[in-house]
Each structure stands twice: as C-alpha cells, then as structure tokens.
Amino acid sequence: MKTSYFLVAGMMASLLVLTGCPGTDDNHSDPITEENGYAKGKITDTKGAPLAGVEVVIDNTYLYDSNLLTTTGQDGTYNVKLPNVASTYIAYATLKKTYNGKQFEMELHPENTDAFTQEGGVRNFQWRLTGEKPSGLGYYGGMIQIEKDINSSIYDSENVEFTLTPAGPLIDGSTGQTLKLKPGLPHSDNYSKLVDVPMGRYTVTAVHKSASGDKPLKLRDRSIYNSQFTSSMQLDFQPESMYCSNCSNIEYTEL
C-alpha cells in the first residue's frame, strides 16, 4: 500500500513540475488569457519568437503622467497589476535594438489597439520590419528623404529610381532583398521620400528615368558632413535626426 502511495505521489509531483515550468518551445506556448485586474500580453519578433527586455507602457488615458511601465521576461510576456480605480488604458511596446553601432527604438505592432478598463486586458505585440502603423500613423519601415543638389537640373524626383542592395543582414538578422523604389508624386505625403524601407545597411545607386532613357546619377549621404558624390553609396539609417527618426537622407545630381 505504501509503495502505491509513493508511486502516485511521485507521478503527481512530476506532473506539477512539468506543468508549472515554462516550456522550451516558446513559439508554441499557450495563448495569454485575460485575468481580472491585470494588463498582460506577449511580444514576439519578426519570426514569432519571444522578445525579452521590451519596454511596455500601460498608458492611463484618464490621468496625466500616471503610466505603468514594465519589461518583458525571457518568455516574451509581461503582467502588470492595474489600480482598482475606474480608468481606461492603452498599451504600447518599444524595442531598443543596437545595429551597426547605433541604438534604434522600434515601435511594435499591436494585435489589438482598443483601450481596456481597470478590469484588465490582453495586448500582444509583434516586431514588424514594414507595414503601415495603425490609424495611418506612418510606417514600421525606415524613411529616406530625397533631395536634389542645388546645381542639379533634375526636378522630378518622382522619376528617379533608386536601387537598394542589402550590404549585410537587416536589423532583425534576416536576409534582405534588393529593392527598386521611387519617391512619391508631387503634393503627396510621400513626395521626395522613400518610405517603409526595411531597416538595414544598403548599397544604393540611382537613375533618372525619362523618355530618352535611363540616366545614371551620383549620390551622397547628406547626414555625413562633407560627404562626396559617388556613383554608388553606402546608406545607413540614423536613430534620430533634426527632422525624423529611423531615417536617412540622400542627395542626387548628374554624373
């Protein structure tokens, strides 16, 4: 009888250990469920793996400067106790990533943008390299400002085609693709801009396309003081500039 008791007890203890510890396959863990009075969620990278150390802000929309802050654990999850006071909250998540010696802040994509009350809610996020942000508030990809040299006679930047060839892994470690992009049309939001570019280091060339054919151009990085025009240039995004974040600036002229 004692032998049977200890055998059953041992089996139950083993079961508790297995069910009480996080699984090794975080990509296929159980979904986060709602819990009364808590803001919870999971944050994953571009491949669906958990992201640790991501800052999560639980923004109280009723009271100024009363946000709740937390960071995700090794399993990519967060869990914040909410004050038992009538309020509404919106969750935001930001990833800080060092890439080519610079630290970038990446806004992460919310699975659900709805506000929730003090009763709690689940808000998951994912890192996306491209795509439009909710409510049309920009893009997850980087932005490249395009400007003509003062001596250039090419004013129609919308007809300048830029070829961006990856010069190494993208910011998330993945392999990028060669891109052929043109700035937006005059009077559009994307005029003189290349938008939603996956963050990375690129080798860039450009041609002016017209009825008479393609005309190669010279380029330079305007974010580098006294940089010289060349037929191809290395492009690196900058975390912050005077006018934008996660952006770069290219100036063109004729050969």
C-alpha atoms as a PDB file:
ATOM      1  CA  MET A   1       0.000   0.000   0.000  1.00  0.00           C
ATOM      2  CA  LYS A   2       2.801   2.406   0.920  1.00  0.00           C
ATOM      3  CA  THR A   3       4.562   1.593  -2.350  1.00  0.00           C
ATOM      4  CA  SER A   4       1.445   2.527  -4.346  1.00  0.00           C
ATOM      5  CA  TYR A   5       1.061   5.776  -2.391  1.00  0.00           C
ATOM      6  CA  PHE A   6       4.638   6.912  -3.026  1.00  0.00           C
ATOM      7  CA  LEU A   7       4.381   5.931  -6.702  1.00  0.00           C
ATOM      8  CA  VAL A   8       1.242   8.032  -7.185  1.00  0.00           C
ATOM      9  CA  ALA A   9       2.709  10.943  -5.196  1.00  0.00           C
ATOM     10  CA  GLY A  10       5.867  10.851  -7.288  1.00  0.00           C
ATOM     11  CA  MET A  11       3.887  10.859 -10.521  1.00  0.00           C
ATOM     12  CA  MET A  12       1.805  13.832  -9.318  1.00  0.00           C
ATOM     13  CA  ALA A  13       4.931  15.771  -8.305  1.00  0.00           C
ATOM     14  CA  SER A  14       6.499  15.143 -11.696  1.00  0.00           C
ATOM     15  CA  LEU A  15       3.318  16.324 -13.400  1.00  0.00           C
ATOM     16  CA  LEU A  16       3.296  19.526 -11.332  1.00  0.00           C
ATOM     17  CA  VAL A  17       6.907  20.248 -12.257  1.00  0.00           C
ATOM     18  CA  LEU A  18       6.194  19.739 -15.950  1.00  0.00           C
ATOM     19  CA  THR A  19       3.057  21.896 -15.986  1.00  0.00           C
ATOM     20  CA  GLY A  20       4.408  24.606 -13.667  1.00  0.00           C
ATOM     21  CA  CYS A  21       7.591  25.427 -15.620  1.00  0.00           C
ATOM     22  CA  PRO A  22       7.739  27.290 -18.925  1.00  0.00           C
ATOM     23  CA  GLY A  23       8.048  25.073 -21.975  1.00  0.00           C
ATOM     24  CA  THR A  24      11.177  25.048 -24.048  1.00  0.00           C
ATOM     25  CA  ASP A  25       9.203  25.742 -27.259  1.00  0.00           C
ATOM     26  CA  ASP A  26       8.147  29.350 -26.625  1.00  0.00           C
ATOM     27  CA  ASN A  27       6.878  29.751 -30.197  1.00  0.00           C
ATOM     28  CA  HIS A  28       4.074  27.279 -29.492  1.00  0.00           C
ATOM     29  CA  SER A  29       3.189  28.167 -25.878  1.00  0.00           C
ATOM     30  CA  ASP A  30      -0.402  28.542 -24.789  1.00  0.00           C
ATOM     31  CA  PRO A  31      -2.089  31.856 -25.653  1.00  0.00           C
ATOM     32  CA  ILE A  32      -2.246  34.539 -22.959  1.00  0.00           C
ATOM     33  CA  THR A  33      -5.650  34.591 -21.253  1.00  0.00           C
ATOM     34  CA  GLU A  34      -7.356  37.523 -19.551  1.00  0.00           C
ATOM     35  CA  GLU A  35      -7.043  37.934 -15.793  1.00  0.00           C
ATOM     36  CA  ASN A  36      -9.187  40.343 -13.816  1.00  0.00           C
ATOM     37  CA  GLY A  37      -7.251  43.460 -12.809  1.00  0.00           C
ATOM     38  CA  TYR A  38      -4.157  42.767 -14.931  1.00  0.00           C
ATOM     39  CA  ALA A  39      -2.726  44.017 -18.220  1.00  0.00           C
ATOM     40  CA  LYS A  40      -0.987  41.065 -19.865  1.00  0.00           C
ATOM     41  CA  GLY A  41       0.460  40.054 -23.173  1.00  0.00           C
ATOM     42  CA  LYS A  42       3.252  38.503 -25.181  1.00  0.00           C
ATOM     43  CA  ILE A  43       5.719  40.153 -27.540  1.00  0.00           C
ATOM     44  CA  THR A  44       7.347  38.321 -30.434  1.00  0.00           C
ATOM     45  CA  ASP A  45       9.951  39.107 -33.068  1.00  0.00           C
ATOM     46  CA  THR A  46       9.544  39.082 -36.846  1.00  0.00           C
ATOM     47  CA  LYS A  47       9.715  35.272 -36.851  1.00  0.00           C
ATOM     48  CA  GLY A  48       7.303  34.759 -33.954  1.00  0.00           C
ATOM     49  CA  ALA A  49       9.940  34.032 -31.287  1.00  0.00           C
ATOM     50  CA  PRO A  50       9.564  35.704 -27.848  1.00  0.00           C
ATOM     51  CA  LEU A  51      11.308  39.036 -27.274  1.00  0.00           C
ATOM     52  CA  ALA A  52      12.795  39.697 -23.832  1.00  0.00           C
ATOM     53  CA  GLY A  53      13.523  43.132 -22.363  1.00  0.00           C
ATOM     54  CA  VAL A  54      10.938  45.027 -24.407  1.00  0.00           C
ATOM     55  CA  GLU A  55       9.545  48.116 -22.679  1.00  0.00           C
ATOM     56  CA  VAL A  56       5.762  48.137 -22.330  1.00  0.00           C
ATOM     57  CA  VAL A  57       3.845  51.282 -21.381  1.00  0.00           C
ATOM     58  CA  ILE A  58       0.330  50.969 -19.977  1.00  0.00           C
ATOM     59  CA  ASP A  59      -0.970  54.481 -20.644  1.00  0.00           C
ATOM     60  CA  ASN A  60      -3.729  55.756 -18.349  1.00  0.00           C
ATOM     61  CA  THR A  61      -5.934  57.860 -20.623  1.00  0.00           C
ATOM     62  CA  TYR A  62      -7.724  59.491 -17.653  1.00  0.00           C
ATOM     63  CA  LEU A  63      -4.784  60.775 -15.622  1.00  0.00           C
ATOM     64  CA  TYR A  64      -1.770  62.686 -16.943  1.00  0.00           C
ATOM     65  CA  ASP A  65       1.690  61.230 -16.285  1.00  0.00           C
ATOM     66  CA  SER A  66       0.378  58.160 -14.480  1.00  0.00           C
ATOM     67  CA  ASN A  67       1.594  55.441 -16.832  1.00  0.00           C
ATOM     68  CA  LEU A  68       2.594  51.978 -15.696  1.00  0.00           C
ATOM     69  CA  LEU A  69       5.915  50.660 -17.037  1.00  0.00           C
ATOM     70  CA  THR A  70       7.238  47.131 -17.311  1.00  0.00           C
ATOM     71  CA  THR A  71       9.505  44.957 -19.470  1.00  0.00           C
ATOM     72  CA  THR A  72       9.010  41.509 -20.914  1.00  0.00           C
ATOM     73  CA  GLY A  73      10.636  38.431 -19.396  1.00  0.00           C
ATOM     74  CA  GLN A  74      12.676  35.769 -21.170  1.00  0.00           C
ATOM     75  CA  ASP A  75       9.463  34.191 -22.455  1.00  0.00           C
ATOM     76  CA  GLY A  76       8.379  37.488 -24.026  1.00  0.00           C
ATOM     77  CA  THR A  77       5.458  38.005 -21.648  1.00  0.00           C
ATOM     78  CA  TYR A  78       4.509  40.857 -19.330  1.00  0.00           C
ATOM     79  CA  ASN A  79       1.991  41.110 -16.496  1.00  0.00           C
ATOM     80  CA  VAL A  80       1.014  44.370 -14.762  1.00  0.00           C
ATOM     81  CA  LYS A  81      -1.410  44.811 -11.841  1.00  0.00           C
ATOM     82  CA  LEU A  82      -3.795  47.686 -12.535  1.00  0.00           C
ATOM     83  CA  PRO A  83      -5.013  50.074  -9.805  1.00  0.00           C
ATOM     84  CA  ASN A  84      -8.554  49.310  -8.711  1.00  0.00           C
ATOM     85  CA  VAL A  85      -9.782  52.719  -9.853  1.00  0.00           C
ATOM     86  CA  ALA A  86     -12.095  53.460 -12.770  1.00  0.00           C
ATOM     87  CA  SER A  87      -9.795  54.178 -15.734  1.00  0.00           C
ATOM     88  CA  THR A  88      -9.094  53.231 -19.315  1.00  0.00           C
ATOM     89  CA  TYR A  89      -5.704  52.189 -20.633  1.00  0.00           C
ATOM     90  CA  ILE A  90      -3.880  51.794 -23.938  1.00  0.00           C
ATOM     91  CA  ALA A  91      -0.768  49.624 -24.222  1.00  0.00           C
ATOM     92  CA  TYR A  92       2.353  50.485 -26.232  1.00  0.00           C
ATOM     93  CA  ALA A  93       5.557  48.491 -26.743  1.00  0.00           C
ATOM     94  CA  THR A  94       9.003  49.667 -27.867  1.00  0.00           C
ATOM     95  CA  LEU A  95      12.049  47.572 -28.721  1.00  0.00           C
ATOM     96  CA  LYS A  96      15.533  49.046 -28.313  1.00  0.00           C
ATOM     97  CA  LYS A  97      17.909  47.424 -30.776  1.00  0.00           C
ATOM     98  CA  THR A  98      21.616  48.078 -31.363  1.00  0.00           C
ATOM     99  CA  TYR A  99      22.535  47.771 -35.038  1.00  0.00           C
ATOM    100  CA  ASN A 100      25.840  48.728 -36.674  1.00  0.00           C
ATOM    101  CA  GLY A 101      26.898  50.543 -33.510  1.00  0.00           C
ATOM    102  CA  LYS A 102      23.735  52.644 -33.163  1.00  0.00           C
ATOM    103  CA  GLN A 103      20.744  52.116 -30.891  1.00  0.00           C
ATOM    104  CA  PHE A 104      17.348  52.275 -32.559  1.00  0.00           C
ATOM    105  CA  GLU A 105      13.903  52.379 -30.987  1.00  0.00           C
ATOM    106  CA  MET A 106      11.345  50.301 -32.860  1.00  0.00           C
ATOM    107  CA  GLU A 107       7.632  50.749 -32.252  1.00  0.00           C
ATOM    108  CA  LEU A 108       5.985  47.317 -32.186  1.00  0.00           C
ATOM    109  CA  HIS A 109       2.722  46.337 -33.836  1.00  0.00           C
ATOM    110  CA  PRO A 110      -0.277  45.833 -31.511  1.00  0.00           C
ATOM    111  CA  GLU A 111      -2.543  42.867 -32.126  1.00  0.00           C
ATOM    112  CA  ASN A 112      -5.396  44.934 -30.661  1.00  0.00           C
ATOM    113  CA  THR A 113      -5.470  48.743 -30.457  1.00  0.00           C
ATOM    114  CA  ASP A 114      -8.624  49.005 -28.338  1.00  0.00           C
ATOM    115  CA  ALA A 115      -8.499  50.605 -24.904  1.00  0.00           C
ATOM    116  CA  PHE A 116      -9.295  48.483 -21.845  1.00  0.00           C
ATOM    117  CA  THR A 117     -10.500  49.255 -18.322  1.00  0.00           C
ATOM    118  CA  GLN A 118      -9.136  48.576 -14.858  1.00  0.00           C
ATOM    119  CA  GLU A 119     -10.691  45.127 -15.188  1.00  0.00           C
ATOM    120  CA  GLY A 120      -7.734  44.197 -17.376  1.00  0.00           C
ATOM    121  CA  GLY A 121      -6.963  43.076 -20.888  1.00  0.00           C
ATOM    122  CA  VAL A 122      -4.572  41.120 -23.094  1.00  0.00           C
ATOM    123  CA  ARG A 123      -2.500  43.084 -25.582  1.00  0.00           C
ATOM    124  CA  ASN A 124       0.060  41.214 -27.682  1.00  0.00           C
ATOM    125  CA  PHE A 125       2.660  42.855 -29.937  1.00  0.00           C
ATOM    126  CA  GLN A 126       4.932  41.822 -32.802  1.00  0.00           C
ATOM    127  CA  TRP A 127       8.030  43.381 -34.332  1.00  0.00           C
ATOM    128  CA  ARG A 128       7.412  44.194 -37.988  1.00  0.00           C
ATOM    129  CA  LEU A 129      10.033  45.489 -40.416  1.00  0.00           C
ATOM    130  CA  THR A 130       7.461  47.000 -42.778  1.00  0.00           C
ATOM    131  CA  GLY A 131       3.796  47.882 -42.966  1.00  0.00           C
ATOM    132  CA  GLU A 132       1.534  50.785 -42.123  1.00  0.00           C
ATOM    133  CA  LYS A 133       1.039  51.598 -38.466  1.00  0.00           C
ATOM    134  CA  PRO A 134      -2.495  51.595 -37.021  1.00  0.00           C
ATOM    135  CA  SER A 135      -4.636  54.620 -37.860  1.00  0.00           C
ATOM    136  CA  GLY A 136      -2.250  55.570 -40.666  1.00  0.00           C
ATOM    137  CA  LEU A 137       0.409  56.982 -38.330  1.00  0.00           C
ATOM    138  CA  GLY A 138       3.406  56.262 -40.534  1.00  0.00           C
ATOM    139  CA  TYR A 139       5.214  53.008 -41.284  1.00  0.00           C
ATOM    140  CA  TYR A 140       7.252  50.440 -39.382  1.00  0.00           C
ATOM    141  CA  GLY A 141       9.965  50.603 -42.043  1.00  0.00           C
ATOM    142  CA  GLY A 142      12.539  53.378 -42.257  1.00  0.00           C
ATOM    143  CA  MET A 143      12.219  56.574 -44.291  1.00  0.00           C
ATOM    144  CA  ILE A 144      14.748  58.033 -46.750  1.00  0.00           C
ATOM    145  CA  GLN A 145      14.478  61.726 -47.583  1.00  0.00           C
ATOM    146  CA  ILE A 146      15.443  62.514 -51.196  1.00  0.00           C
ATOM    147  CA  GLU A 147      16.883  65.896 -52.173  1.00  0.00           C
ATOM    148  CA  LYS A 148      18.419  67.305 -55.344  1.00  0.00           C
ATOM    149  CA  ASP A 149      21.756  69.048 -55.370  1.00  0.00           C
ATOM    150  CA  ILE A 150      21.404  72.800 -55.802  1.00  0.00           C
ATOM    151  CA  ASN A 151      23.183  72.552 -59.174  1.00  0.00           C
ATOM    152  CA  SER A 152      21.131  69.637 -60.491  1.00  0.00           C
ATOM    153  CA  SER A 153      18.650  70.248 -63.312  1.00  0.00           C
ATOM    154  CA  ILE A 154      16.538  67.200 -62.367  1.00  0.00           C
ATOM    155  CA  TYR A 155      13.495  68.474 -60.512  1.00  0.00           C
ATOM    156  CA  ASP A 156      11.160  65.496 -60.977  1.00  0.00           C
ATOM    157  CA  SER A 157      12.427  63.290 -58.159  1.00  0.00           C
ATOM    158  CA  GLU A 158       9.399  61.036 -58.658  1.00  0.00           C
ATOM    159  CA  ASN A 159      11.143  59.780 -61.823  1.00  0.00           C
ATOM    160  CA  VAL A 160      14.377  58.891 -60.052  1.00  0.00           C
ATOM    161  CA  GLU A 161      14.606  55.157 -59.400  1.00  0.00           C
ATOM    162  CA  PHE A 162      16.798  54.034 -56.510  1.00  0.00           C
ATOM    163  CA  THR A 163      18.211  50.524 -56.279  1.00  0.00           C
ATOM    164  CA  LEU A 164      18.929  49.410 -52.711  1.00  0.00           C
ATOM    165  CA  THR A 165      21.082  46.290 -52.407  1.00  0.00           C
ATOM    166  CA  PRO A 166      21.476  44.854 -48.879  1.00  0.00           C
ATOM    167  CA  ALA A 167      25.061  45.064 -47.570  1.00  0.00           C
ATOM    168  CA  GLY A 168      24.612  42.619 -44.704  1.00  0.00           C
ATOM    169  CA  PRO A 169      21.754  41.326 -42.557  1.00  0.00           C
ATOM    170  CA  LEU A 170      18.763  43.535 -41.797  1.00  0.00           C
ATOM    171  CA  ILE A 171      18.213  44.903 -38.295  1.00  0.00           C
ATOM    172  CA  ASP A 172      16.397  41.724 -37.215  1.00  0.00           C
ATOM    173  CA  GLY A 173      19.182  39.489 -38.540  1.00  0.00           C
ATOM    174  CA  SER A 174      17.238  38.324 -41.578  1.00  0.00           C
ATOM    175  CA  THR A 175      18.412  38.437 -45.199  1.00  0.00           C
ATOM    176  CA  GLY A 176      17.093  41.418 -47.119  1.00  0.00           C
ATOM    177  CA  GLN A 177      16.092  41.729 -50.764  1.00  0.00           C
ATOM    178  CA  THR A 178      17.186  44.153 -53.467  1.00  0.00           C
ATOM    179  CA  LEU A 179      14.650  46.976 -53.715  1.00  0.00           C
ATOM    180  CA  LYS A 180      13.831  49.317 -56.601  1.00  0.00           C
ATOM    181  CA  LEU A 181      11.982  52.343 -55.276  1.00  0.00           C
ATOM    182  CA  LYS A 182      10.792  55.763 -56.429  1.00  0.00           C
ATOM    183  CA  PRO A 183       9.751  58.749 -54.313  1.00  0.00           C
ATOM    184  CA  GLY A 184       6.108  59.780 -54.195  1.00  0.00           C
ATOM    185  CA  LEU A 185       4.401  62.167 -56.585  1.00  0.00           C
ATOM    186  CA  PRO A 186       4.300  65.942 -56.003  1.00  0.00           C
ATOM    187  CA  HIS A 187       1.693  67.043 -53.436  1.00  0.00           C
ATOM    188  CA  SER A 188       1.523  63.528 -51.962  1.00  0.00           C
ATOM    189  CA  ASP A 189       2.511  62.569 -48.407  1.00  0.00           C
ATOM    190  CA  ASN A 190       5.477  60.638 -49.777  1.00  0.00           C
ATOM    191  CA  TYR A 191       6.788  63.312 -52.135  1.00  0.00           C
ATOM    192  CA  SER A 192      10.613  63.224 -52.195  1.00  0.00           C
ATOM    193  CA  LYS A 193      10.608  60.252 -49.809  1.00  0.00           C
ATOM    194  CA  LEU A 194      11.235  56.525 -49.945  1.00  0.00           C
ATOM    195  CA  VAL A 195       9.025  55.072 -47.227  1.00  0.00           C
ATOM    196  CA  ASP A 196       8.598  51.783 -45.381  1.00  0.00           C
ATOM    197  CA  VAL A 197      12.105  50.525 -46.164  1.00  0.00           C
ATOM    198  CA  PRO A 198      13.220  47.521 -44.057  1.00  0.00           C
ATOM    199  CA  MET A 199      15.891  48.840 -41.700  1.00  0.00           C
ATOM    200  CA  GLY A 200      19.323  47.741 -42.808  1.00  0.00           C
ATOM    201  CA  ARG A 201      22.562  48.794 -44.460  1.00  0.00           C
ATOM    202  CA  TYR A 202      22.329  49.173 -48.237  1.00  0.00           C
ATOM    203  CA  THR A 203      24.456  49.972 -51.258  1.00  0.00           C
ATOM    204  CA  VAL A 204      22.462  52.491 -53.283  1.00  0.00           C
ATOM    205  CA  THR A 205      22.541  53.519 -56.944  1.00  0.00           C
ATOM    206  CA  ALA A 206      20.073  55.651 -58.887  1.00  0.00           C
ATOM    207  CA  VAL A 207      18.956  56.512 -62.415  1.00  0.00           C
ATOM    208  CA  HIS A 208      16.713  59.248 -63.751  1.00  0.00           C
ATOM    209  CA  LYS A 209      14.106  57.590 -65.966  1.00  0.00           C
ATOM    210  CA  SER A 210      12.748  59.568 -68.916  1.00  0.00           C
ATOM    211  CA  ALA A 211      11.552  59.108 -72.483  1.00  0.00           C
ATOM    212  CA  SER A 212      15.147  59.468 -73.667  1.00  0.00           C
ATOM    213  CA  GLY A 213      16.315  56.577 -71.463  1.00  0.00           C
ATOM    214  CA  ASP A 214      17.879  55.952 -68.068  1.00  0.00           C
ATOM    215  CA  LYS A 215      20.479  58.444 -66.889  1.00  0.00           C
ATOM    216  CA  PRO A 216      22.776  57.283 -64.033  1.00  0.00           C
ATOM    217  CA  LEU A 217      23.133  59.728 -61.150  1.00  0.00           C
ATOM    218  CA  LYS A 218      25.667  60.459 -58.436  1.00  0.00           C
ATOM    219  CA  LEU A 219      24.620  60.244 -54.793  1.00  0.00           C
ATOM    220  CA  ARG A 220      25.814  61.304 -51.385  1.00  0.00           C
ATOM    221  CA  ASP A 221      24.706  60.841 -47.781  1.00  0.00           C
ATOM    222  CA  ARG A 222      23.612  64.261 -46.533  1.00  0.00           C
ATOM    223  CA  SER A 223      23.768  63.109 -42.913  1.00  0.00           C
ATOM    224  CA  ILE A 224      27.578  62.898 -43.246  1.00  0.00           C
ATOM    225  CA  TYR A 225      29.263  66.297 -43.277  1.00  0.00           C
ATOM    226  CA  ASN A 226      31.306  66.956 -46.432  1.00  0.00           C
ATOM    227  CA  SER A 227      30.483  63.562 -47.954  1.00  0.00           C
ATOM    228  CA  GLN A 228      31.309  63.340 -51.662  1.00  0.00           C
ATOM    229  CA  PHE A 229      29.073  62.417 -54.610  1.00  0.00           C
ATOM    230  CA  THR A 230      29.750  58.919 -55.968  1.00  0.00           C
ATOM    231  CA  SER A 231      28.070  56.591 -58.454  1.00  0.00           C
ATOM    232  CA  SER A 232      27.068  54.327 -55.544  1.00  0.00           C
ATOM    233  CA  MET A 233      26.885  54.998 -51.821  1.00  0.00           C
ATOM    234  CA  GLN A 234      26.502  53.132 -48.558  1.00  0.00           C
ATOM    235  CA  LEU A 235      23.293  54.012 -46.788  1.00  0.00           C
ATOM    236  CA  ASP A 236      22.893  53.698 -43.025  1.00  0.00           C
ATOM    237  CA  PHE A 237      19.762  54.712 -41.178  1.00  0.00           C
ATOM    238  CA  GLN A 238      20.094  57.117 -38.267  1.00  0.00           C
ATOM    239  CA  PRO A 239      18.195  56.645 -34.978  1.00  0.00           C
ATOM    240  CA  GLU A 240      17.465  60.375 -34.711  1.00  0.00           C
ATOM    241  CA  SER A 241      17.932  63.477 -36.822  1.00  0.00           C
ATOM    242  CA  MET A 242      16.658  67.024 -36.625  1.00  0.00           C
ATOM    243  CA  TYR A 243      13.511  66.108 -38.547  1.00  0.00           C
ATOM    244  CA  CYS A 244      12.875  62.382 -38.166  1.00  0.00           C
ATOM    245  CA  SER A 245      13.775  59.078 -36.521  1.00  0.00           C
ATOM    246  CA  ASN A 246      14.899  55.803 -38.121  1.00  0.00           C
ATOM    247  CA  CYS A 247      15.642  57.695 -41.313  1.00  0.00           C
ATOM    248  CA  SER A 248      18.346  58.697 -43.779  1.00  0.00           C
ATOM    249  CA  ASN A 249      18.913  61.418 -46.351  1.00  0.00           C
ATOM    250  CA  ILE A 250      20.160  61.065 -49.945  1.00  0.00           C
ATOM    251  CA  GLU A 251      21.135  63.899 -52.271  1.00  0.00           C
ATOM    252  CA  TYR A 252      21.452  63.319 -56.023  1.00  0.00           C
ATOM    253  CA  THR A 253      22.994  65.080 -59.012  1.00  0.00           C
ATOM    254  CA  GLU A 254      24.027  64.294 -62.582  1.00  0.00           C
ATOM    255  CA  LEU A 255      27.247  62.405 -63.342  1.00  0.00           C
END
